[in-house]
Amino acid sequence: QVQLVESGGGLVQPGGSLRLSCAASGFTFSNYAMTWYRQAPGKERELVARITSGGGSTSYADSVKGRFTISRDNAKNTVYLQMNSLKSEDTAVYYCVWMGYWGQGTQVTVSS
């Protein structure tokens, strides 16, 4: 069955960096685009970034553009989210999503 397992979250100071990973299984990973969403307390889920199946095209929410980078390694069935210059408003649970399947999420907390 489909599994999406996120990792890499944690507590980081403003201005810091984190790299999230999502290990996928149960489908042909290299055939599909992948996305990262996030949800902050009391807020709606937000699409953060998307990457096409081959990795040649990416898109980002305006709120993270220029700070976050989505990438993938199809040999490892893994998608990444490099997050730089983190701000307190980036605090959220981050989810890897494929075709309506959601991972369990990983908490990112940006605080001094």
C-alpha atoms as a PDB file:
ATOM      1  CA  GLN A   1       0.000   0.000   0.000  1.00  0.00           C
ATOM      2  CA  VAL A   2       0.981   3.615  -0.363  1.00  0.00           C
ATOM      3  CA  GLN A   3       3.258   4.949   2.343  1.00  0.00           C
ATOM      4  CA  LEU A   4       4.662   8.447   2.697  1.00  0.00           C
ATOM      5  CA  VAL A   5       7.033   8.891   5.608  1.00  0.00           C
ATOM      6  CA  GLU A   6       8.276  12.385   6.416  1.00  0.00           C
ATOM      7  CA  SER A   7      11.304  13.167   8.537  1.00  0.00           C
ATOM      8  CA  GLY A   8      13.649  16.011   9.320  1.00  0.00           C
ATOM      9  CA  GLY A   9      11.442  18.357  11.268  1.00  0.00           C
ATOM     10  CA  GLY A  10      12.427  19.955  14.529  1.00  0.00           C
ATOM     11  CA  LEU A  11      13.029  23.145  16.425  1.00  0.00           C
ATOM     12  CA  VAL A  12      15.125  25.796  14.726  1.00  0.00           C
ATOM     13  CA  GLN A  13      15.867  29.441  15.388  1.00  0.00           C
ATOM     14  CA  PRO A  14      14.654  32.152  13.038  1.00  0.00           C
ATOM     15  CA  GLY A  15      17.015  32.411  10.100  1.00  0.00           C
ATOM     16  CA  GLY A  16      17.981  28.779  10.373  1.00  0.00           C
ATOM     17  CA  SER A  17      17.586  25.890   7.971  1.00  0.00           C
ATOM     18  CA  LEU A  18      16.056  22.440   7.884  1.00  0.00           C
ATOM     19  CA  ARG A  19      15.782  19.769   5.248  1.00  0.00           C
ATOM     20  CA  LEU A  20      12.691  17.608   5.208  1.00  0.00           C
ATOM     21  CA  SER A  21      12.599  14.219   3.538  1.00  0.00           C
ATOM     22  CA  CYS A  22       9.685  12.088   2.411  1.00  0.00           C
ATOM     23  CA  ALA A  23      10.275   8.433   1.607  1.00  0.00           C
ATOM     24  CA  ALA A  24       7.566   7.074  -0.670  1.00  0.00           C
ATOM     25  CA  SER A  25       6.543   3.507  -1.410  1.00  0.00           C
ATOM     26  CA  GLY A  26       3.633   1.583  -2.878  1.00  0.00           C
ATOM     27  CA  PHE A  27       3.536   3.323  -6.254  1.00  0.00           C
ATOM     28  CA  THR A  28       5.856   4.118  -9.145  1.00  0.00           C
ATOM     29  CA  PHE A  29       7.369   7.226  -7.638  1.00  0.00           C
ATOM     30  CA  SER A  30       9.223   8.394 -10.719  1.00  0.00           C
ATOM     31  CA  ASN A  31       5.986   8.653 -12.726  1.00  0.00           C
ATOM     32  CA  TYR A  32       4.323  11.277 -10.566  1.00  0.00           C
ATOM     33  CA  ALA A  33       4.568  14.835  -9.367  1.00  0.00           C
ATOM     34  CA  MET A  34       4.925  15.262  -5.640  1.00  0.00           C
ATOM     35  CA  THR A  35       3.866  18.044  -3.318  1.00  0.00           C
ATOM     36  CA  TRP A  36       4.548  19.414   0.142  1.00  0.00           C
ATOM     37  CA  TYR A  37       1.759  20.981   2.166  1.00  0.00           C
ATOM     38  CA  ARG A  38       1.802  22.529   5.604  1.00  0.00           C
ATOM     39  CA  GLN A  39      -0.749  23.322   8.253  1.00  0.00           C
ATOM     40  CA  ALA A  40      -0.211  25.782  11.056  1.00  0.00           C
ATOM     41  CA  PRO A  41      -2.384  25.798  14.184  1.00  0.00           C
ATOM     42  CA  GLY A  42      -5.723  27.419  13.467  1.00  0.00           C
ATOM     43  CA  LYS A  43      -4.973  27.842   9.783  1.00  0.00           C
ATOM     44  CA  GLU A  44      -5.969  26.044   6.613  1.00  0.00           C
ATOM     45  CA  ARG A  45      -3.631  23.668   4.856  1.00  0.00           C
ATOM     46  CA  GLU A  46      -1.340  25.452   2.429  1.00  0.00           C
ATOM     47  CA  LEU A  47       0.325  24.057  -0.673  1.00  0.00           C
ATOM     48  CA  VAL A  48       4.000  24.833  -0.181  1.00  0.00           C
ATOM     49  CA  ALA A  49       5.770  23.341  -3.176  1.00  0.00           C
ATOM     50  CA  ARG A  50       5.332  20.976  -6.085  1.00  0.00           C
ATOM     51  CA  ILE A  51       7.786  19.131  -8.289  1.00  0.00           C
ATOM     52  CA  THR A  52       7.132  17.297 -11.531  1.00  0.00           C
ATOM     53  CA  SER A  53       7.899  13.622 -11.997  1.00  0.00           C
ATOM     54  CA  GLY A  54      11.337  14.172 -13.491  1.00  0.00           C
ATOM     55  CA  GLY A  55      12.155  17.111 -11.293  1.00  0.00           C
ATOM     56  CA  GLY A  56      12.443  19.510 -14.186  1.00  0.00           C
ATOM     57  CA  SER A  57       9.750  21.892 -13.026  1.00  0.00           C
ATOM     58  CA  THR A  58       8.969  23.232  -9.582  1.00  0.00           C
ATOM     59  CA  SER A  59       6.525  25.718  -8.157  1.00  0.00           C
ATOM     60  CA  TYR A  60       6.162  27.406  -4.780  1.00  0.00           C
ATOM     61  CA  ALA A  61       3.773  29.325  -2.632  1.00  0.00           C
ATOM     62  CA  ASP A  62       4.575  33.018  -2.664  1.00  0.00           C
ATOM     63  CA  SER A  63       5.216  32.834   1.074  1.00  0.00           C
ATOM     64  CA  VAL A  64       8.214  30.531   0.633  1.00  0.00           C
ATOM     65  CA  LYS A  65       9.515  31.478  -2.799  1.00  0.00           C
ATOM     66  CA  GLY A  66      13.233  32.159  -2.738  1.00  0.00           C
ATOM     67  CA  ARG A  67      13.681  30.441   0.631  1.00  0.00           C
ATOM     68  CA  PHE A  68      12.501  26.872   0.074  1.00  0.00           C
ATOM     69  CA  THR A  69      13.646  24.388  -2.551  1.00  0.00           C
ATOM     70  CA  ILE A  70      11.882  21.181  -3.467  1.00  0.00           C
ATOM     71  CA  SER A  71      13.865  18.367  -5.057  1.00  0.00           C
ATOM     72  CA  ARG A  72      13.648  14.647  -5.559  1.00  0.00           C
ATOM     73  CA  ASP A  73      15.780  11.554  -5.996  1.00  0.00           C
ATOM     74  CA  ASN A  74      13.843   9.050  -8.058  1.00  0.00           C
ATOM     75  CA  ALA A  75      16.450   6.354  -7.414  1.00  0.00           C
ATOM     76  CA  LYS A  76      15.675   6.642  -3.703  1.00  0.00           C
ATOM     77  CA  ASN A  77      11.924   7.293  -4.035  1.00  0.00           C
ATOM     78  CA  THR A  78      12.413  10.372  -1.921  1.00  0.00           C
ATOM     79  CA  VAL A  79      11.327  13.984  -2.174  1.00  0.00           C
ATOM     80  CA  TYR A  80      13.002  16.745  -0.190  1.00  0.00           C
ATOM     81  CA  LEU A  81      12.180  20.218   1.005  1.00  0.00           C
ATOM     82  CA  GLN A  82      15.166  22.414   1.806  1.00  0.00           C
ATOM     83  CA  MET A  83      14.019  25.288   3.981  1.00  0.00           C
ATOM     84  CA  ASN A  84      16.324  28.261   4.497  1.00  0.00           C
ATOM     85  CA  SER A  85      15.895  31.616   6.206  1.00  0.00           C
ATOM     86  CA  LEU A  86      13.136  30.176   8.317  1.00  0.00           C
ATOM     87  CA  LYS A  87      10.636  32.494   9.941  1.00  0.00           C
ATOM     88  CA  SER A  88       8.285  32.029  12.850  1.00  0.00           C
ATOM     89  CA  GLU A  89       5.387  31.966  10.416  1.00  0.00           C
ATOM     90  CA  ASP A  90       6.852  28.807   8.857  1.00  0.00           C
ATOM     91  CA  THR A  91       5.952  26.930  12.035  1.00  0.00           C
ATOM     92  CA  ALA A  92       3.591  24.150  10.996  1.00  0.00           C
ATOM     93  CA  VAL A  93       3.216  20.457  10.428  1.00  0.00           C
ATOM     94  CA  TYR A  94       4.622  19.652   7.004  1.00  0.00           C
ATOM     95  CA  TYR A  95       3.094  16.893   4.910  1.00  0.00           C
ATOM     96  CA  CYS A  96       4.198  15.005   1.841  1.00  0.00           C
ATOM     97  CA  VAL A  97       1.231  14.411  -0.448  1.00  0.00           C
ATOM     98  CA  TRP A  98       0.599  12.228  -3.464  1.00  0.00           C
ATOM     99  CA  MET A  99      -2.753  11.813  -5.209  1.00  0.00           C
ATOM    100  CA  GLY A 100      -4.761  12.377  -2.056  1.00  0.00           C
ATOM    101  CA  TYR A 101      -2.491  10.266   0.127  1.00  0.00           C
ATOM    102  CA  TRP A 102      -0.926  12.126   3.042  1.00  0.00           C
ATOM    103  CA  GLY A 103       2.003  11.220   5.211  1.00  0.00           C
ATOM    104  CA  GLN A 104       1.847  11.508   8.979  1.00  0.00           C
ATOM    105  CA  GLY A 105       3.549  14.881   8.905  1.00  0.00           C
ATOM    106  CA  THR A 106       6.631  16.295  10.558  1.00  0.00           C
ATOM    107  CA  GLN A 107       6.560  19.239  12.944  1.00  0.00           C
ATOM    108  CA  VAL A 108       8.651  22.293  12.165  1.00  0.00           C
ATOM    109  CA  THR A 109       8.903  24.898  14.896  1.00  0.00           C
ATOM    110  CA  VAL A 110      10.749  28.146  14.295  1.00  0.00           C
ATOM    111  CA  SER A 111      11.380  29.943  17.537  1.00  0.00           C
ATOM    112  CA  SER A 112      14.134  31.645  19.486  1.00  0.00           C
END
